[in-house]
Amino acid sequence: MTDEKKQKAGRAKPDALSQEKRKQRAEASARLGDERIARRLARAGVASRREAEAMIAAGRVKVNGRRLSSPAVNVLPSDRIEVDGEPIPAVERTRLFLFHKPAGVVTTTRDPEGRKTVFDILPEGLPRLITVGRLDINTEGLLLLTNDGGLARVLELPSTGWLRRYRVRVHGKVDPLKLAELEHGIAVDGVFYGAITATLDRQQGSNAWLTVGLREGKNREVKNVMGALGLEVTRLIRVSYGPFQLGELPEGAVQEVRGRTLRDQLGPRLIKEAGANFDAPVMRPLPNKPIQAKKKPADKPAAPERGTAEKKPKLHRKARQDRREALRERLQTKPPGKRSSKMPQKSAAAGPRESRSRGTHVWMAPGARPTAGSKAKSGKGSRRK
């Protein structure tokens, strides 16, 4: 065998080994179910797929000790994955939660403007969750949360075909004919919105309540479409998302959808597209009832330091006078209608007060003895006569 043939045989041997390794890996992947690294991070609840790709590009992700620079990598369940030097949590069973979002909170993980987010008001004990779509800050109602990034991505796509129903309060005169035309779609400012079902529930003066159903869920779709009809949206409540209903869920409360119910509602097609995992365990199960975040107790005033008496506020002079007059009123014996809160003041211009004899106002029984003053008066009068 010549040297050239030996070199060719030497080159062919590593290629055959690499092909054999790839074949073995493909067979193992088919058995164990490998997946893209970004998808695994999303399923583990570390981040969404888009955020995971950005983390990989920044060099924050390692697989079996090797730092990744591209998200085009498949991983197996047995691979060790680290983010910022910490291993990612074990993959948990796919879970879905119903959340009654109140108005005034933002649907985002972190808000650059410092506004309160939906994750700031969630109760403790929940896994790391991702929102299925978004609701505007002033929109309230049903918001779906999940720990599976793949499921969140599938459910928010218009191709899923799930109907999203809203209760809408508008200001203005509603034309039922224009509402019926929305079933054919409408273009607003160069954006085309698909078929929308809208019905008038009741009109009260210049305000009205509508029920609106749509399947696309574009940004500010309801407000833009109603604005094109000359109506101003003053309140917007999402009451259902596909088969999941808001129902009587209290505002700010969360309730988990049971695993069997979730599998039945998703169906085989959506489960396959999302790569949902219903075989993994649940790390921290929750009760089958709505739960809310505990309200923080109000701050109590600080107690005075030991040895220092609490200073009482000084009463105003007028307050002290009112209190004195009230005490005087309690000592009066006259009927309430004849009481006088203040004694009449003497005026200098009125002059001296005339003294009146009380004899004319005193009734004396027959045979009663007159007083000393009356005797003196009667004596003087007899002498004058």
Protein backbone atom coordinates (compact mmCIF):
# COMPACT_ATOMS: atom_id res chain seq x y z
CA MET A 1 0.00 0.00 0.00
CA THR A 2 1.44 3.30 -1.03
CA ASP A 3 1.73 6.31 1.30
CA GLU A 4 -1.06 8.14 -0.56
CA LYS A 5 -3.48 5.25 0.00
CA LYS A 6 -2.56 5.14 3.69
CA GLN A 7 -3.28 8.85 4.02
CA LYS A 8 -6.67 8.43 2.32
CA ALA A 9 -7.53 5.50 4.61
CA GLY A 10 -6.48 7.59 7.61
CA ARG A 11 -8.72 10.44 6.55
CA ALA A 12 -11.67 8.16 5.88
CA LYS A 13 -11.56 6.56 9.30
CA PRO A 14 -12.34 9.78 11.32
CA ASP A 15 -15.14 10.65 8.90
CA ALA A 16 -16.69 7.22 9.41
CA LEU A 17 -16.44 7.64 13.18
CA SER A 18 -18.03 11.08 13.09
CA GLN A 19 -20.87 9.77 10.94
CA GLU A 20 -21.37 6.92 13.36
CA LYS A 21 -21.47 9.38 16.27
CA ARG A 22 -23.98 11.57 14.52
CA LYS A 23 -26.11 8.52 13.81
CA GLN A 24 -25.97 7.44 17.42
CA ARG A 25 -26.79 10.92 18.59
CA ALA A 26 -29.75 11.13 16.20
CA GLU A 27 -31.07 7.81 17.49
CA ALA A 28 -30.62 8.97 21.09
CA SER A 29 -32.33 12.24 20.27
CA ALA A 30 -35.26 10.40 18.78
CA ARG A 31 -35.55 8.25 21.89
CA LEU A 32 -34.97 10.92 24.52
CA GLY A 33 -36.34 13.94 22.69
CA ASP A 34 -33.68 16.61 22.25
CA GLU A 35 -34.59 20.23 21.56
CA ARG A 36 -33.06 23.60 20.82
CA ILE A 37 -31.27 25.27 23.68
CA ALA A 38 -33.49 28.37 23.52
CA ARG A 39 -36.58 26.19 23.74
CA ARG A 40 -35.17 24.30 26.73
CA LEU A 41 -34.46 27.57 28.56
CA ALA A 42 -37.97 28.75 27.84
CA ARG A 43 -39.51 25.50 29.09
CA ALA A 44 -37.41 25.69 32.24
CA GLY A 45 -38.85 29.14 32.89
CA VAL A 46 -35.53 30.95 32.59
CA ALA A 47 -36.61 33.32 29.83
CA SER A 48 -38.62 33.50 26.65
CA ARG A 49 -37.09 32.15 23.46
CA ARG A 50 -36.16 35.60 22.23
CA GLU A 51 -34.60 36.52 25.55
CA ALA A 52 -32.78 33.17 25.66
CA GLU A 53 -31.24 33.80 22.23
CA ALA A 54 -30.01 37.19 23.44
CA MET A 55 -28.50 35.54 26.54
CA ILE A 56 -26.69 33.01 24.33
CA ALA A 57 -25.35 35.76 22.07
CA ALA A 58 -24.02 37.53 25.18
CA GLY A 59 -22.11 34.40 26.21
CA ARG A 60 -24.08 33.76 29.38
CA VAL A 61 -25.06 30.15 28.60
CA LYS A 62 -22.92 27.02 28.93
CA VAL A 63 -23.71 23.43 27.95
CA ASN A 64 -21.58 20.74 29.60
CA GLY A 65 -18.98 23.39 30.44
CA ARG A 66 -18.77 24.81 26.91
CA ARG A 67 -19.85 28.40 26.38
CA LEU A 68 -22.29 28.84 23.52
CA SER A 69 -22.14 31.59 20.92
CA SER A 70 -25.07 30.48 18.73
CA PRO A 71 -28.60 29.28 19.58
CA ALA A 72 -28.38 26.62 16.81
CA VAL A 73 -27.58 23.90 19.33
CA ASN A 74 -29.67 20.93 20.38
CA VAL A 75 -29.49 19.62 23.94
CA LEU A 76 -30.54 16.40 25.62
CA PRO A 77 -32.28 16.03 28.98
CA SER A 78 -29.00 14.68 30.41
CA ASP A 79 -26.96 17.75 29.36
CA ARG A 80 -25.84 20.17 32.07
CA ILE A 81 -26.94 23.69 31.23
CA GLU A 82 -25.75 26.75 33.14
CA VAL A 83 -26.79 30.40 32.93
CA ASP A 84 -24.39 32.90 34.52
CA GLY A 85 -22.61 29.99 36.19
CA GLU A 86 -25.77 28.61 37.85
CA PRO A 87 -27.54 25.42 36.69
CA ILE A 88 -31.02 25.96 35.34
CA PRO A 89 -33.94 24.47 37.30
CA ALA A 90 -35.31 21.10 36.35
CA VAL A 91 -38.03 21.04 33.75
CA GLU A 92 -41.42 21.14 35.45
CA ARG A 93 -44.72 19.91 34.11
CA THR A 94 -46.46 22.38 31.79
CA ARG A 95 -48.84 24.51 33.84
CA LEU A 96 -51.33 27.26 33.00
CA PHE A 97 -52.81 29.89 35.32
CA LEU A 98 -55.76 32.28 35.03
CA PHE A 99 -55.09 35.76 36.39
CA HIS A 100 -57.58 38.62 36.82
CA LYS A 101 -55.47 41.62 35.87
CA PRO A 102 -56.57 44.91 37.44
CA ALA A 103 -56.28 48.22 35.62
CA GLY A 104 -53.19 50.32 36.28
CA VAL A 105 -50.49 47.60 36.08
CA VAL A 106 -48.17 46.88 33.16
CA THR A 107 -47.89 43.47 31.46
CA THR A 108 -44.11 43.15 31.49
CA THR A 109 -41.38 41.65 33.62
CA ARG A 110 -39.56 44.92 34.27
CA ASP A 111 -40.81 48.40 33.44
CA PRO A 112 -38.17 51.05 32.66
CA GLU A 113 -40.49 53.78 33.92
CA GLY A 114 -40.82 52.13 37.33
CA ARG A 115 -44.55 51.40 37.06
CA LYS A 116 -46.11 48.47 38.89
CA THR A 117 -46.18 45.25 36.84
CA VAL A 118 -48.43 42.20 37.01
CA PHE A 119 -45.56 40.23 38.55
CA ASP A 120 -45.36 42.72 41.43
CA ILE A 121 -48.88 41.85 42.58
CA LEU A 122 -48.80 38.06 42.11
CA PRO A 123 -49.01 35.95 45.27
CA GLU A 124 -45.95 34.13 46.57
CA GLY A 125 -45.26 30.47 45.92
CA LEU A 126 -45.79 30.55 42.14
CA PRO A 127 -43.21 29.23 39.66
CA ARG A 128 -41.50 31.54 37.23
CA LEU A 129 -44.30 32.53 34.85
CA ILE A 130 -44.58 34.06 31.39
CA THR A 131 -47.59 35.98 30.12
CA VAL A 132 -49.52 34.73 27.09
CA GLY A 133 -49.72 37.95 25.10
CA ARG A 134 -50.22 41.34 26.71
CA LEU A 135 -52.91 43.65 28.01
CA ASP A 136 -52.65 47.45 28.00
CA ILE A 137 -52.11 49.21 31.29
CA ASN A 138 -55.76 50.33 31.47
CA THR A 139 -57.19 47.03 30.21
CA GLU A 140 -58.42 44.60 32.85
CA GLY A 141 -59.68 41.07 32.90
CA LEU A 142 -58.34 37.62 32.01
CA LEU A 143 -54.60 37.18 31.46
CA LEU A 144 -53.09 33.72 30.93
CA LEU A 145 -49.80 32.85 32.65
CA THR A 146 -47.69 29.75 32.04
CA ASN A 147 -44.33 28.29 33.03
CA ASP A 148 -43.77 26.92 29.51
CA GLY A 149 -42.39 29.39 26.99
CA GLY A 150 -43.27 27.12 24.08
CA LEU A 151 -46.92 27.01 25.14
CA ALA A 152 -47.01 30.79 25.57
CA ARG A 153 -45.67 31.26 22.06
CA VAL A 154 -48.22 28.90 20.49
CA LEU A 155 -51.24 30.29 22.33
CA GLU A 156 -50.55 33.91 21.40
CA LEU A 157 -50.26 33.17 17.68
CA PRO A 158 -53.31 34.10 15.53
CA SER A 159 -52.95 30.75 13.76
CA THR A 160 -54.18 29.05 16.93
CA GLY A 161 -57.62 30.45 16.09
CA TRP A 162 -58.73 30.98 19.68
CA LEU A 163 -61.43 33.62 20.15
CA ARG A 164 -60.73 36.44 22.61
CA ARG A 165 -63.88 38.09 23.93
CA TYR A 166 -64.07 41.53 25.55
CA ARG A 167 -66.66 43.65 27.32
CA VAL A 168 -66.26 47.20 26.06
CA ARG A 169 -67.77 50.43 27.38
CA VAL A 170 -67.74 53.19 24.77
CA HIS A 171 -68.73 56.84 24.70
CA GLY A 172 -70.73 57.90 21.68
CA LYS A 173 -73.70 56.86 19.57
CA VAL A 174 -73.42 53.25 18.39
CA ASP A 175 -74.54 52.33 14.88
CA PRO A 176 -75.50 48.59 14.77
CA LEU A 177 -74.99 48.52 10.99
CA LYS A 178 -71.35 49.59 11.34
CA LEU A 179 -70.82 46.96 14.00
CA ALA A 180 -72.15 44.29 11.67
CA GLU A 181 -69.73 45.40 8.92
CA LEU A 182 -66.77 44.57 11.18
CA GLU A 183 -67.30 40.88 10.38
CA HIS A 184 -65.65 41.58 7.00
CA GLY A 185 -62.63 43.25 8.59
CA ILE A 186 -61.56 46.89 8.62
CA ALA A 187 -58.45 48.89 7.73
CA VAL A 188 -57.38 51.64 10.14
CA ASP A 189 -54.37 53.86 9.39
CA GLY A 190 -52.94 51.33 6.95
CA VAL A 191 -53.37 48.35 9.30
CA PHE A 192 -55.91 45.71 8.34
CA TYR A 193 -57.79 43.98 11.15
CA GLY A 194 -59.49 40.67 10.48
CA ALA A 195 -63.06 39.65 11.18
CA ILE A 196 -64.48 41.07 14.42
CA THR A 197 -67.82 40.20 15.97
CA ALA A 198 -69.38 43.11 17.89
CA THR A 199 -72.86 43.30 19.40
CA LEU A 200 -74.60 46.10 21.26
CA ASP A 201 -75.69 45.06 24.75
CA ARG A 202 -77.28 48.30 25.93
CA GLN A 203 -77.17 52.03 25.31
CA GLN A 204 -77.45 54.41 28.26
CA GLY A 205 -77.47 57.99 27.08
CA SER A 206 -74.12 58.73 25.46
CA ASN A 207 -72.53 55.54 26.85
CA ALA A 208 -72.94 51.97 25.66
CA TRP A 209 -71.74 48.46 26.49
CA LEU A 210 -70.55 46.16 23.70
CA THR A 211 -69.35 42.56 23.46
CA VAL A 212 -66.44 42.23 21.04
CA GLY A 213 -64.79 39.02 19.84
CA LEU A 214 -61.57 38.79 17.82
CA ARG A 215 -58.93 36.20 16.94
CA GLU A 216 -55.85 38.22 16.01
CA GLY A 217 -55.20 40.33 19.09
CA LYS A 218 -53.08 43.03 17.48
CA ASN A 219 -51.74 45.91 19.53
CA ARG A 220 -54.60 48.19 20.70
CA GLU A 221 -56.92 46.51 18.20
CA VAL A 222 -60.20 47.16 20.02
CA LYS A 223 -59.44 50.82 20.76
CA ASN A 224 -58.28 51.53 17.21
CA VAL A 225 -61.29 49.86 15.60
CA MET A 226 -63.78 51.57 17.92
CA GLY A 227 -62.05 54.89 17.28
CA ALA A 228 -62.53 54.39 13.54
CA LEU A 229 -66.28 54.08 14.23
CA GLY A 230 -66.30 57.37 16.15
CA LEU A 231 -66.46 55.70 19.58
CA GLU A 232 -64.16 56.30 22.52
CA VAL A 233 -63.33 53.28 24.68
CA THR A 234 -63.67 54.18 28.37
CA ARG A 235 -63.35 50.67 29.82
CA LEU A 236 -62.06 47.39 28.41
CA ILE A 237 -62.41 44.00 30.12
CA ARG A 238 -61.25 40.69 28.64
CA VAL A 239 -63.72 38.02 29.74
CA SER A 240 -62.40 34.95 27.87
CA TYR A 241 -59.38 33.62 26.00
CA GLY A 242 -60.25 30.58 23.94
CA PRO A 243 -61.93 27.99 26.18
CA PHE A 244 -60.79 29.70 29.40
CA GLN A 245 -63.25 32.09 31.08
CA LEU A 246 -62.75 34.88 33.61
CA GLY A 247 -65.94 33.88 35.43
CA GLU A 248 -66.10 34.95 39.08
CA LEU A 249 -62.35 35.11 39.58
CA PRO A 250 -61.70 38.05 41.96
CA GLU A 251 -59.57 40.95 40.83
CA GLY A 252 -55.88 40.28 41.46
CA ALA A 253 -56.47 36.55 42.07
CA VAL A 254 -54.77 33.57 40.38
CA GLN A 255 -56.15 30.08 39.80
CA GLU A 256 -54.39 27.15 38.17
CA VAL A 257 -55.99 25.09 35.41
CA ARG A 258 -55.87 21.43 36.33
CA GLY A 259 -53.56 19.26 34.19
CA ARG A 260 -56.30 17.01 32.79
CA THR A 261 -58.42 20.03 31.83
CA LEU A 262 -55.44 21.71 30.18
CA ARG A 263 -54.63 18.62 28.09
CA ASP A 264 -58.22 18.29 26.98
CA GLN A 265 -58.52 21.95 25.98
CA LEU A 266 -55.21 22.09 24.11
CA GLY A 267 -55.68 18.93 22.12
CA PRO A 268 -52.96 16.83 20.43
CA ARG A 269 -52.09 19.41 17.76
CA LEU A 270 -51.33 22.31 20.12
CA ILE A 271 -49.56 20.02 22.58
CA LYS A 272 -47.25 18.84 19.80
CA GLU A 273 -46.62 22.34 18.44
CA ALA A 274 -45.86 23.71 21.90
CA GLY A 275 -43.82 20.71 22.98
CA ALA A 276 -45.77 20.68 26.25
CA ASN A 277 -44.57 18.23 28.87
CA PHE A 278 -47.26 16.63 31.03
CA ASP A 279 -45.03 13.81 32.33
CA ALA A 280 -42.64 15.89 34.45
CA PRO A 281 -43.42 16.39 38.14
CA VAL A 282 -44.87 19.52 39.77
CA MET A 283 -42.34 21.05 42.14
CA ARG A 284 -44.79 23.06 44.26
CA PRO A 285 -48.48 22.20 43.87
CA LEU A 286 -51.14 24.82 44.63
CA PRO A 287 -54.65 24.50 46.07
CA ASN A 288 -57.54 24.18 43.64
CA LYS A 289 -58.97 27.61 44.47
CA PRO A 290 -58.20 31.27 43.72
CA ILE A 291 -55.29 32.71 45.67
CA GLN A 292 -54.35 36.36 46.15
CA ALA A 293 -51.31 38.21 47.39
CA LYS A 294 -51.40 39.03 51.06
CA LYS A 295 -51.97 42.68 51.83
CA LYS A 296 -49.13 44.36 53.65
CA PRO A 297 -50.12 45.68 57.10
CA ALA A 298 -50.28 49.44 57.46
CA ASP A 299 -47.32 51.06 59.18
CA LYS A 300 -48.07 51.78 62.84
CA PRO A 301 -46.90 55.06 64.39
CA ALA A 302 -43.65 54.73 66.28
CA ALA A 303 -44.05 54.29 70.05
CA PRO A 304 -42.56 57.03 72.26
CA GLU A 305 -39.19 56.32 73.77
CA ARG A 306 -39.04 54.88 77.25
CA GLY A 307 -38.98 57.50 79.99
CA THR A 308 -40.43 60.22 77.81
CA ALA A 309 -44.07 61.07 78.28
CA GLU A 310 -46.15 61.58 75.20
CA LYS A 311 -46.82 65.27 74.73
CA LYS A 312 -50.48 66.16 74.51
CA PRO A 313 -51.45 68.83 72.03
CA LYS A 314 -52.23 72.18 73.57
CA LEU A 315 -55.86 73.18 73.45
CA HIS A 316 -56.69 76.37 71.69
CA ARG A 317 -58.11 79.19 73.82
CA LYS A 318 -61.43 79.02 72.06
CA ALA A 319 -61.58 75.27 72.56
CA ARG A 320 -61.00 75.74 76.29
CA GLN A 321 -63.77 78.34 76.47
CA ASP A 322 -66.18 76.01 74.67
CA ARG A 323 -65.33 73.28 77.10
CA ARG A 324 -65.92 75.59 80.06
CA GLU A 325 -69.29 76.66 78.69
CA ALA A 326 -70.26 73.02 78.20
CA LEU A 327 -69.46 72.31 81.84
CA ARG A 328 -71.58 75.26 82.92
CA GLU A 329 -74.49 73.98 80.87
CA ARG A 330 -74.31 70.69 82.72
CA LEU A 331 -74.69 72.52 86.05
CA GLN A 332 -77.83 74.44 84.99
CA THR A 333 -81.16 73.41 86.52
CA LYS A 334 -83.43 75.37 84.19
CA PRO A 335 -85.25 73.68 81.36
CA PRO A 336 -83.19 73.47 78.12
CA GLY A 337 -85.39 75.99 76.30
CA LYS A 338 -84.81 78.71 78.90
CA ARG A 339 -81.07 78.26 79.32
CA SER A 340 -78.68 80.92 78.16
CA SER A 341 -75.17 79.98 77.33
CA LYS A 342 -73.92 83.45 78.03
CA MET A 343 -74.82 85.90 80.76
CA PRO A 344 -76.23 89.22 79.50
CA GLN A 345 -73.62 91.95 79.60
CA LYS A 346 -74.32 95.32 81.20
CA SER A 347 -73.89 98.30 78.98
CA ALA A 348 -72.61 101.59 80.40
CA ALA A 349 -75.14 103.63 78.41
CA ALA A 350 -78.10 101.80 79.91
CA GLY A 351 -77.47 103.43 83.32
CA PRO A 352 -78.16 101.95 86.75
CA ARG A 353 -80.58 99.08 86.88
CA GLU A 354 -83.87 99.85 88.68
CA SER A 355 -84.55 97.80 91.74
CA ARG A 356 -87.93 96.13 91.75
CA SER A 357 -89.84 95.14 94.81
CA ARG A 358 -90.66 91.46 94.89
CA GLY A 359 -93.64 92.07 97.18
CA THR A 360 -96.08 92.53 94.34
CA HIS A 361 -94.99 89.26 92.79
CA VAL A 362 -95.27 87.20 95.95
CA TRP A 363 -98.58 85.60 96.78
CA MET A 364 -99.37 85.37 100.54
CA ALA A 365 -101.93 83.07 102.00
CA PRO A 366 -104.70 84.62 104.17
CA GLY A 367 -103.51 85.05 107.77
CA ALA A 368 -99.84 84.77 106.88
CA ARG A 369 -97.43 87.04 108.71
CA PRO A 370 -95.83 89.79 106.73
CA THR A 371 -92.07 90.04 106.54
CA ALA A 372 -90.05 92.62 108.51
CA GLY A 373 -89.80 94.87 105.51
CA SER A 374 -93.56 94.86 105.05
CA LYS A 375 -94.11 95.71 108.76
CA ALA A 376 -91.83 98.68 108.54
CA LYS A 377 -93.61 99.90 105.44
CA SER A 378 -96.99 99.51 107.02
CA GLY A 379 -95.79 101.29 110.20
CA LYS A 380 -94.53 104.25 108.25
CA GLY A 381 -97.75 104.49 106.39
CA SER A 382 -99.86 104.48 109.60
CA ARG A 383 -97.80 107.20 111.17
CA ARG A 384 -98.15 109.39 108.09
CA LYS A 385 -101.87 108.98 108.25
